[in-house]
Amino acid sequence: MLESPTPTGASAAAEHPASATPPHGPHPAGLRERKKEQTRLRIIEVGLNLCDTQGFDATTIEQIANAADISPRTINRYFESKEDIVLGPVVDFGAAIAETLRGMPVTGNELQSLREAFLQVVDRASADNATGPVTFRRFQQMRRIMRGSSAVSVRSIDHAEAKNAPIAGVLAERLGTQPDALPVRMILGVWQLVGQLGMECQEVAFDDDDLESAAQASRAAFTSTFDEFLRICCADRG
């Protein structure tokens, strides 16, 4: 699934690396911000393509810069490391979920609302014409690179916190509390665990060259894992 490799809460949201955070939210305020975001996404796209094709260790910042038609110094203004380039989609995914969740009605069941926001983002990301920061194909590339590089896998733990930060903020708004409050952390922790388990169950299908098949398998894995969690943990046993 489109999840980070380890379940995490929102308690360390304020400590995530600055390089992991997009320069702005989903709606750029002006031309300068749009150009910065275009450059950032171009670096991620080129970095993923090169690392996926020739291997993470064999790919250099200089190669990424040359393919993106920018200088290595420009890349360093956007990302602290090569690992951060590969993991860029993680933070973009969190921002997309937060934005989707913010626009949903408050029903009193935030875990269910988060589930729906997540699935809406997955559906948009897996569409044939998907563009912008979040596409299913980029996540497929990122997962393949992570499996072949322990450095990327370790760094992804920090990015999980960065991804959760905007979601925690929106959950806090909807619950009338703070991002590090226990209810927020519990909801995020459960959602993260369900996503991770679902992804582990469908790891092979996730890499299917058929984008639609891979996306549907991942969606089904998440929903079935979520439903099983509800059946086991939330059933009325009175």
C-alpha atoms as a PDB file:
ATOM      1  CA  MET A   1       0.000   0.000   0.000  1.00  0.00           C
ATOM      2  CA  LEU A   2       1.065   3.639  -0.164  1.00  0.00           C
ATOM      3  CA  GLU A   3       2.374   3.527   3.362  1.00  0.00           C
ATOM      4  CA  SER A   4       5.628   4.046   5.190  1.00  0.00           C
ATOM      5  CA  PRO A   5       7.491   0.966   6.388  1.00  0.00           C
ATOM      6  CA  THR A   6       6.923   1.424  10.116  1.00  0.00           C
ATOM      7  CA  PRO A   7       3.877   2.514  12.161  1.00  0.00           C
ATOM      8  CA  THR A   8       4.419   5.948  13.615  1.00  0.00           C
ATOM      9  CA  GLY A   9       2.435   8.546  15.482  1.00  0.00           C
ATOM     10  CA  ALA A  10       2.441  12.316  15.409  1.00  0.00           C
ATOM     11  CA  SER A  11       4.507  12.893  18.544  1.00  0.00           C
ATOM     12  CA  ALA A  12       7.684  13.683  16.614  1.00  0.00           C
ATOM     13  CA  ALA A  13       5.984  15.774  13.944  1.00  0.00           C
ATOM     14  CA  ALA A  14       7.902  18.871  14.922  1.00  0.00           C
ATOM     15  CA  GLU A  15      11.228  17.041  14.600  1.00  0.00           C
ATOM     16  CA  HIS A  16      11.077  15.853  10.988  1.00  0.00           C
ATOM     17  CA  PRO A  17      13.817  17.098   8.670  1.00  0.00           C
ATOM     18  CA  ALA A  18      13.128  20.390   6.911  1.00  0.00           C
ATOM     19  CA  SER A  19      14.189  18.881   3.605  1.00  0.00           C
ATOM     20  CA  ALA A  20      11.324  16.396   3.802  1.00  0.00           C
ATOM     21  CA  THR A  21       8.688  19.118   3.749  1.00  0.00           C
ATOM     22  CA  PRO A  22       7.369  20.469   0.430  1.00  0.00           C
ATOM     23  CA  PRO A  23       7.958  24.224   0.034  1.00  0.00           C
ATOM     24  CA  HIS A  24       4.198  24.823   0.313  1.00  0.00           C
ATOM     25  CA  GLY A  25       0.811  23.161   0.434  1.00  0.00           C
ATOM     26  CA  PRO A  26      -1.147  21.675  -2.460  1.00  0.00           C
ATOM     27  CA  HIS A  27      -2.155  25.121  -3.815  1.00  0.00           C
ATOM     28  CA  PRO A  28       0.839  27.352  -4.666  1.00  0.00           C
ATOM     29  CA  ALA A  29       0.336  31.023  -3.858  1.00  0.00           C
ATOM     30  CA  GLY A  30       2.140  32.463  -6.865  1.00  0.00           C
ATOM     31  CA  LEU A  31       4.373  31.998  -9.882  1.00  0.00           C
ATOM     32  CA  ARG A  32       7.590  31.730  -7.877  1.00  0.00           C
ATOM     33  CA  GLU A  33       6.139  29.024  -5.653  1.00  0.00           C
ATOM     34  CA  ARG A  34       4.809  27.106  -8.651  1.00  0.00           C
ATOM     35  CA  LYS A  35       8.207  27.167 -10.319  1.00  0.00           C
ATOM     36  CA  LYS A  36       9.864  25.954  -7.126  1.00  0.00           C
ATOM     37  CA  GLU A  37       7.408  23.090  -6.857  1.00  0.00           C
ATOM     38  CA  GLN A  38       7.906  22.187 -10.524  1.00  0.00           C
ATOM     39  CA  THR A  39      11.661  22.035  -9.953  1.00  0.00           C
ATOM     40  CA  ARG A  40      11.232  19.924  -6.826  1.00  0.00           C
ATOM     41  CA  LEU A  41       8.939  17.462  -8.616  1.00  0.00           C
ATOM     42  CA  ARG A  42      11.304  17.286 -11.586  1.00  0.00           C
ATOM     43  CA  ILE A  43      14.167  16.337  -9.255  1.00  0.00           C
ATOM     44  CA  ILE A  44      12.030  13.610  -7.677  1.00  0.00           C
ATOM     45  CA  GLU A  45      10.904  12.264 -11.049  1.00  0.00           C
ATOM     46  CA  VAL A  46      14.418  12.114 -12.462  1.00  0.00           C
ATOM     47  CA  GLY A  47      15.869  10.718  -9.234  1.00  0.00           C
ATOM     48  CA  LEU A  48      13.298   7.932  -9.071  1.00  0.00           C
ATOM     49  CA  ASN A  49      13.778   7.021 -12.729  1.00  0.00           C
ATOM     50  CA  LEU A  50      17.560   6.839 -12.457  1.00  0.00           C
ATOM     51  CA  CYS A  51      17.657   5.010  -9.122  1.00  0.00           C
ATOM     52  CA  ASP A  52      15.006   2.549 -10.260  1.00  0.00           C
ATOM     53  CA  THR A  53      16.847   1.852 -13.525  1.00  0.00           C
ATOM     54  CA  GLN A  54      20.489   1.702 -12.491  1.00  0.00           C
ATOM     55  CA  GLY A  55      20.315   1.263  -8.716  1.00  0.00           C
ATOM     56  CA  PHE A  56      20.398   3.677  -5.804  1.00  0.00           C
ATOM     57  CA  ASP A  57      24.101   3.318  -5.008  1.00  0.00           C
ATOM     58  CA  ALA A  58      25.101   3.651  -8.658  1.00  0.00           C
ATOM     59  CA  THR A  59      23.195   6.919  -9.062  1.00  0.00           C
ATOM     60  CA  THR A  60      24.860  10.198  -8.149  1.00  0.00           C
ATOM     61  CA  ILE A  61      23.524  13.651  -7.391  1.00  0.00           C
ATOM     62  CA  GLU A  62      25.503  14.882 -10.375  1.00  0.00           C
ATOM     63  CA  GLN A  63      23.696  12.442 -12.678  1.00  0.00           C
ATOM     64  CA  ILE A  64      20.328  13.522 -11.331  1.00  0.00           C
ATOM     65  CA  ALA A  65      21.247  17.177 -11.771  1.00  0.00           C
ATOM     66  CA  ASN A  66      22.422  16.621 -15.334  1.00  0.00           C
ATOM     67  CA  ALA A  67      19.266  14.720 -16.295  1.00  0.00           C
ATOM     68  CA  ALA A  68      17.072  17.377 -14.674  1.00  0.00           C
ATOM     69  CA  ASP A  69      19.054  20.146 -16.400  1.00  0.00           C
ATOM     70  CA  ILE A  70      19.938  21.892 -13.153  1.00  0.00           C
ATOM     71  CA  SER A  71      23.027  22.183 -10.981  1.00  0.00           C
ATOM     72  CA  PRO A  72      23.876  19.919  -8.027  1.00  0.00           C
ATOM     73  CA  ARG A  73      23.816  23.048  -5.904  1.00  0.00           C
ATOM     74  CA  THR A  74      20.167  23.591  -6.866  1.00  0.00           C
ATOM     75  CA  ILE A  75      19.318  20.055  -5.773  1.00  0.00           C
ATOM     76  CA  ASN A  76      20.958  20.731  -2.416  1.00  0.00           C
ATOM     77  CA  ARG A  77      18.600  23.655  -1.889  1.00  0.00           C
ATOM     78  CA  TYR A  78      15.644  21.280  -2.093  1.00  0.00           C
ATOM     79  CA  PHE A  79      16.962  18.053  -0.579  1.00  0.00           C
ATOM     80  CA  GLU A  80      19.529  17.237   2.073  1.00  0.00           C
ATOM     81  CA  SER A  81      20.387  13.852   0.597  1.00  0.00           C
ATOM     82  CA  LYS A  82      19.795  11.448  -2.250  1.00  0.00           C
ATOM     83  CA  GLU A  83      17.587   9.411   0.095  1.00  0.00           C
ATOM     84  CA  ASP A  84      15.322  12.432   0.562  1.00  0.00           C
ATOM     85  CA  ILE A  85      14.843  12.704  -3.208  1.00  0.00           C
ATOM     86  CA  VAL A  86      13.676   9.099  -3.471  1.00  0.00           C
ATOM     87  CA  LEU A  87      11.334   9.512  -0.494  1.00  0.00           C
ATOM     88  CA  GLY A  88       9.795  12.770  -1.718  1.00  0.00           C
ATOM     89  CA  PRO A  89       6.472  11.077  -2.635  1.00  0.00           C
ATOM     90  CA  VAL A  90       5.924  10.064   1.005  1.00  0.00           C
ATOM     91  CA  VAL A  91       5.511  13.648   2.173  1.00  0.00           C
ATOM     92  CA  ASP A  92       3.472  14.626  -0.896  1.00  0.00           C
ATOM     93  CA  PHE A  93       1.141  11.733  -0.186  1.00  0.00           C
ATOM     94  CA  GLY A  94       0.621  12.899   3.399  1.00  0.00           C
ATOM     95  CA  ALA A  95      -0.145  16.426   2.235  1.00  0.00           C
ATOM     96  CA  ALA A  96      -2.693  15.115  -0.281  1.00  0.00           C
ATOM     97  CA  ILE A  97      -4.454  13.022   2.366  1.00  0.00           C
ATOM     98  CA  ALA A  98      -4.550  15.962   4.786  1.00  0.00           C
ATOM     99  CA  GLU A  99      -6.036  18.249   2.147  1.00  0.00           C
ATOM    100  CA  THR A 100      -8.661  15.660   1.193  1.00  0.00           C
ATOM    101  CA  LEU A 101      -9.549  14.999   4.830  1.00  0.00           C
ATOM    102  CA  ARG A 102      -9.942  18.722   5.493  1.00  0.00           C
ATOM    103  CA  GLY A 103     -12.696  18.916   2.886  1.00  0.00           C
ATOM    104  CA  MET A 104     -14.704  16.000   4.237  1.00  0.00           C
ATOM    105  CA  PRO A 105     -17.702  16.383   6.592  1.00  0.00           C
ATOM    106  CA  VAL A 106     -17.111  15.720  10.278  1.00  0.00           C
ATOM    107  CA  THR A 107     -19.099  12.606  11.194  1.00  0.00           C
ATOM    108  CA  GLY A 108     -17.625  11.755  14.583  1.00  0.00           C
ATOM    109  CA  ASN A 109     -15.689   8.763  13.196  1.00  0.00           C
ATOM    110  CA  GLU A 110     -12.295  10.172  12.235  1.00  0.00           C
ATOM    111  CA  LEU A 111     -10.733   6.791  11.563  1.00  0.00           C
ATOM    112  CA  GLN A 112     -13.403   6.089   8.972  1.00  0.00           C
ATOM    113  CA  SER A 113     -12.974   9.580   7.506  1.00  0.00           C
ATOM    114  CA  LEU A 114      -9.217   9.064   7.275  1.00  0.00           C
ATOM    115  CA  ARG A 115      -9.812   5.740   5.542  1.00  0.00           C
ATOM    116  CA  GLU A 116     -12.054   7.437   2.968  1.00  0.00           C
ATOM    117  CA  ALA A 117      -9.588  10.283   2.400  1.00  0.00           C
ATOM    118  CA  PHE A 118      -6.793   7.765   1.914  1.00  0.00           C
ATOM    119  CA  LEU A 119      -8.776   5.774  -0.661  1.00  0.00           C
ATOM    120  CA  GLN A 120      -9.751   8.910  -2.568  1.00  0.00           C
ATOM    121  CA  VAL A 121      -6.083   9.875  -2.868  1.00  0.00           C
ATOM    122  CA  VAL A 122      -5.137   6.357  -3.973  1.00  0.00           C
ATOM    123  CA  ASP A 123      -7.860   6.392  -6.631  1.00  0.00           C
ATOM    124  CA  ARG A 124      -6.676   9.742  -7.984  1.00  0.00           C
ATOM    125  CA  ALA A 125      -3.043   8.642  -7.898  1.00  0.00           C
ATOM    126  CA  SER A 126      -3.759   5.454  -9.843  1.00  0.00           C
ATOM    127  CA  ALA A 127      -5.750   7.101 -12.637  1.00  0.00           C
ATOM    128  CA  ASP A 128      -4.221   6.800 -16.115  1.00  0.00           C
ATOM    129  CA  ASN A 129      -3.931  10.581 -16.392  1.00  0.00           C
ATOM    130  CA  ALA A 130      -2.602  11.113 -12.867  1.00  0.00           C
ATOM    131  CA  THR A 131      -0.133  13.994 -12.694  1.00  0.00           C
ATOM    132  CA  GLY A 132       1.325  16.212 -10.012  1.00  0.00           C
ATOM    133  CA  PRO A 133       3.054  15.218  -6.769  1.00  0.00           C
ATOM    134  CA  VAL A 134       1.145  11.987  -6.105  1.00  0.00           C
ATOM    135  CA  THR A 135       1.060   9.166  -8.656  1.00  0.00           C
ATOM    136  CA  PHE A 136       0.878   5.438  -8.032  1.00  0.00           C
ATOM    137  CA  ARG A 137       3.741   4.781 -10.446  1.00  0.00           C
ATOM    138  CA  ARG A 138       6.104   6.922  -8.369  1.00  0.00           C
ATOM    139  CA  PHE A 139       5.225   4.926  -5.295  1.00  0.00           C
ATOM    140  CA  GLN A 140       5.946   1.712  -7.128  1.00  0.00           C
ATOM    141  CA  GLN A 141       9.381   3.051  -8.045  1.00  0.00           C
ATOM    142  CA  MET A 142      10.028   4.262  -4.514  1.00  0.00           C
ATOM    143  CA  ARG A 143       9.118   0.879  -2.981  1.00  0.00           C
ATOM    144  CA  ARG A 144      11.444  -0.983  -5.362  1.00  0.00           C
ATOM    145  CA  ILE A 145      14.320   1.347  -4.520  1.00  0.00           C
ATOM    146  CA  MET A 146      13.651   1.028  -0.780  1.00  0.00           C
ATOM    147  CA  ARG A 147      13.805  -2.762  -0.946  1.00  0.00           C
ATOM    148  CA  GLY A 148      17.235  -2.552  -2.555  1.00  0.00           C
ATOM    149  CA  SER A 149      18.713   0.111  -0.277  1.00  0.00           C
ATOM    150  CA  SER A 150      18.963  -0.085   3.504  1.00  0.00           C
ATOM    151  CA  ALA A 151      19.913   3.614   3.582  1.00  0.00           C
ATOM    152  CA  VAL A 152      16.630   4.626   1.974  1.00  0.00           C
ATOM    153  CA  SER A 153      14.672   2.240   4.191  1.00  0.00           C
ATOM    154  CA  VAL A 154      16.215   3.694   7.364  1.00  0.00           C
ATOM    155  CA  ARG A 155      15.688   7.272   6.215  1.00  0.00           C
ATOM    156  CA  SER A 156      12.032   6.506   5.477  1.00  0.00           C
ATOM    157  CA  ILE A 157      11.307   6.398   9.223  1.00  0.00           C
ATOM    158  CA  ASP A 158      11.929  10.141   9.444  1.00  0.00           C
ATOM    159  CA  HIS A 159       9.751  10.714   6.420  1.00  0.00           C
ATOM    160  CA  ALA A 160       6.909   8.798   8.005  1.00  0.00           C
ATOM    161  CA  GLU A 161       6.811  11.464  10.709  1.00  0.00           C
ATOM    162  CA  ALA A 162       6.934  14.213   8.083  1.00  0.00           C
ATOM    163  CA  LYS A 163       4.057  12.586   6.213  1.00  0.00           C
ATOM    164  CA  ASN A 164       1.974  12.314   9.363  1.00  0.00           C
ATOM    165  CA  ALA A 165       2.485  15.937  10.459  1.00  0.00           C
ATOM    166  CA  PRO A 166      -0.119  17.579   8.147  1.00  0.00           C
ATOM    167  CA  ILE A 167      -2.587  14.740   8.742  1.00  0.00           C
ATOM    168  CA  ALA A 168      -2.206  15.163  12.495  1.00  0.00           C
ATOM    169  CA  GLY A 169      -2.854  18.875  12.101  1.00  0.00           C
ATOM    170  CA  VAL A 170      -6.119  18.309  10.230  1.00  0.00           C
ATOM    171  CA  LEU A 171      -7.264  15.598  12.646  1.00  0.00           C
ATOM    172  CA  ALA A 172      -6.576  17.970  15.532  1.00  0.00           C
ATOM    173  CA  GLU A 173      -8.687  20.674  13.872  1.00  0.00           C
ATOM    174  CA  ARG A 174     -11.564  18.254  13.381  1.00  0.00           C
ATOM    175  CA  LEU A 175     -11.340  16.940  16.940  1.00  0.00           C
ATOM    176  CA  GLY A 176     -10.809  20.348  18.544  1.00  0.00           C
ATOM    177  CA  THR A 177      -7.509  19.343  20.116  1.00  0.00           C
ATOM    178  CA  GLN A 178      -3.731  19.441  19.541  1.00  0.00           C
ATOM    179  CA  PRO A 179      -1.730  17.407  16.983  1.00  0.00           C
ATOM    180  CA  ASP A 180       0.108  15.503  19.722  1.00  0.00           C
ATOM    181  CA  ALA A 181      -3.056  14.675  21.698  1.00  0.00           C
ATOM    182  CA  LEU A 182      -3.686  11.009  22.445  1.00  0.00           C
ATOM    183  CA  PRO A 183      -6.818  10.665  20.237  1.00  0.00           C
ATOM    184  CA  VAL A 184      -4.910  12.019  17.237  1.00  0.00           C
ATOM    185  CA  ARG A 185      -1.950   9.738  17.858  1.00  0.00           C
ATOM    186  CA  MET A 186      -4.196   6.707  18.298  1.00  0.00           C
ATOM    187  CA  ILE A 187      -6.071   7.329  15.050  1.00  0.00           C
ATOM    188  CA  LEU A 188      -2.837   7.855  13.129  1.00  0.00           C
ATOM    189  CA  GLY A 189      -1.202   4.819  14.706  1.00  0.00           C
ATOM    190  CA  VAL A 190      -4.083   2.498  13.824  1.00  0.00           C
ATOM    191  CA  TRP A 191      -4.334   3.832  10.281  1.00  0.00           C
ATOM    192  CA  GLN A 192      -0.578   3.483   9.761  1.00  0.00           C
ATOM    193  CA  LEU A 193      -0.518  -0.073  11.071  1.00  0.00           C
ATOM    194  CA  VAL A 194      -3.473  -1.150   8.926  1.00  0.00           C
ATOM    195  CA  GLY A 195      -1.814   0.358   5.843  1.00  0.00           C
ATOM    196  CA  GLN A 196       1.500  -1.341   6.554  1.00  0.00           C
ATOM    197  CA  LEU A 197      -0.084  -4.743   7.089  1.00  0.00           C
ATOM    198  CA  GLY A 198      -2.158  -4.389   3.941  1.00  0.00           C
ATOM    199  CA  MET A 199       0.933  -3.495   1.926  1.00  0.00           C
ATOM    200  CA  GLU A 200       2.875  -6.472   3.290  1.00  0.00           C
ATOM    201  CA  CYS A 201       0.061  -8.800   2.251  1.00  0.00           C
ATOM    202  CA  GLN A 202       0.107  -7.497  -1.336  1.00  0.00           C
ATOM    203  CA  GLU A 203       3.771  -6.614  -1.857  1.00  0.00           C
ATOM    204  CA  VAL A 204       4.071  -8.590  -5.097  1.00  0.00           C
ATOM    205  CA  ALA A 205       0.841  -7.246  -6.578  1.00  0.00           C
ATOM    206  CA  PHE A 206       1.958  -3.725  -5.709  1.00  0.00           C
ATOM    207  CA  ASP A 207       4.746  -4.012  -8.285  1.00  0.00           C
ATOM    208  CA  ASP A 208       2.539  -5.321 -11.099  1.00  0.00           C
ATOM    209  CA  ASP A 209       3.472  -3.623 -14.386  1.00  0.00           C
ATOM    210  CA  ASP A 210      -0.228  -3.231 -15.068  1.00  0.00           C
ATOM    211  CA  LEU A 211      -0.899  -0.004 -13.181  1.00  0.00           C
ATOM    212  CA  GLU A 212      -4.636  -0.591 -12.842  1.00  0.00           C
ATOM    213  CA  SER A 213      -4.163  -4.129 -11.520  1.00  0.00           C
ATOM    214  CA  ALA A 214      -1.525  -3.004  -9.022  1.00  0.00           C
ATOM    215  CA  ALA A 215      -3.676  -0.140  -7.792  1.00  0.00           C
ATOM    216  CA  GLN A 216      -6.770  -2.305  -7.414  1.00  0.00           C
ATOM    217  CA  ALA A 217      -4.829  -4.999  -5.564  1.00  0.00           C
ATOM    218  CA  SER A 218      -3.386  -2.426  -3.180  1.00  0.00           C
ATOM    219  CA  ARG A 219      -6.778  -0.818  -2.610  1.00  0.00           C
ATOM    220  CA  ALA A 220      -8.354  -4.198  -1.924  1.00  0.00           C
ATOM    221  CA  ALA A 221      -5.543  -5.123   0.468  1.00  0.00           C
ATOM    222  CA  PHE A 222      -6.062  -1.966   2.487  1.00  0.00           C
ATOM    223  CA  THR A 223      -9.842  -2.209   2.658  1.00  0.00           C
ATOM    224  CA  SER A 224      -9.827  -5.904   3.573  1.00  0.00           C
ATOM    225  CA  THR A 225      -7.208  -5.303   6.288  1.00  0.00           C
ATOM    226  CA  PHE A 226      -9.182  -2.359   7.623  1.00  0.00           C
ATOM    227  CA  ASP A 227     -12.407  -4.389   7.679  1.00  0.00           C
ATOM    228  CA  GLU A 228     -10.647  -7.255   9.451  1.00  0.00           C
ATOM    229  CA  PHE A 229      -9.331  -4.842  12.073  1.00  0.00           C
ATOM    230  CA  LEU A 230     -12.857  -3.584  12.699  1.00  0.00           C
ATOM    231  CA  ARG A 231     -14.208  -7.148  12.875  1.00  0.00           C
ATOM    232  CA  ILE A 232     -11.616  -8.303  15.384  1.00  0.00           C
ATOM    233  CA  CYS A 233     -11.104  -5.209  17.515  1.00  0.00           C
ATOM    234  CA  CYS A 234     -14.294  -3.194  17.273  1.00  0.00           C
ATOM    235  CA  ALA A 235     -17.086  -5.770  17.213  1.00  0.00           C
ATOM    236  CA  ASP A 236     -19.700  -5.528  19.924  1.00  0.00           C
ATOM    237  CA  ARG A 237     -18.997  -8.527  22.126  1.00  0.00           C
ATOM    238  CA  GLY A 238     -21.519  -7.625  24.811  1.00  0.00           C
END
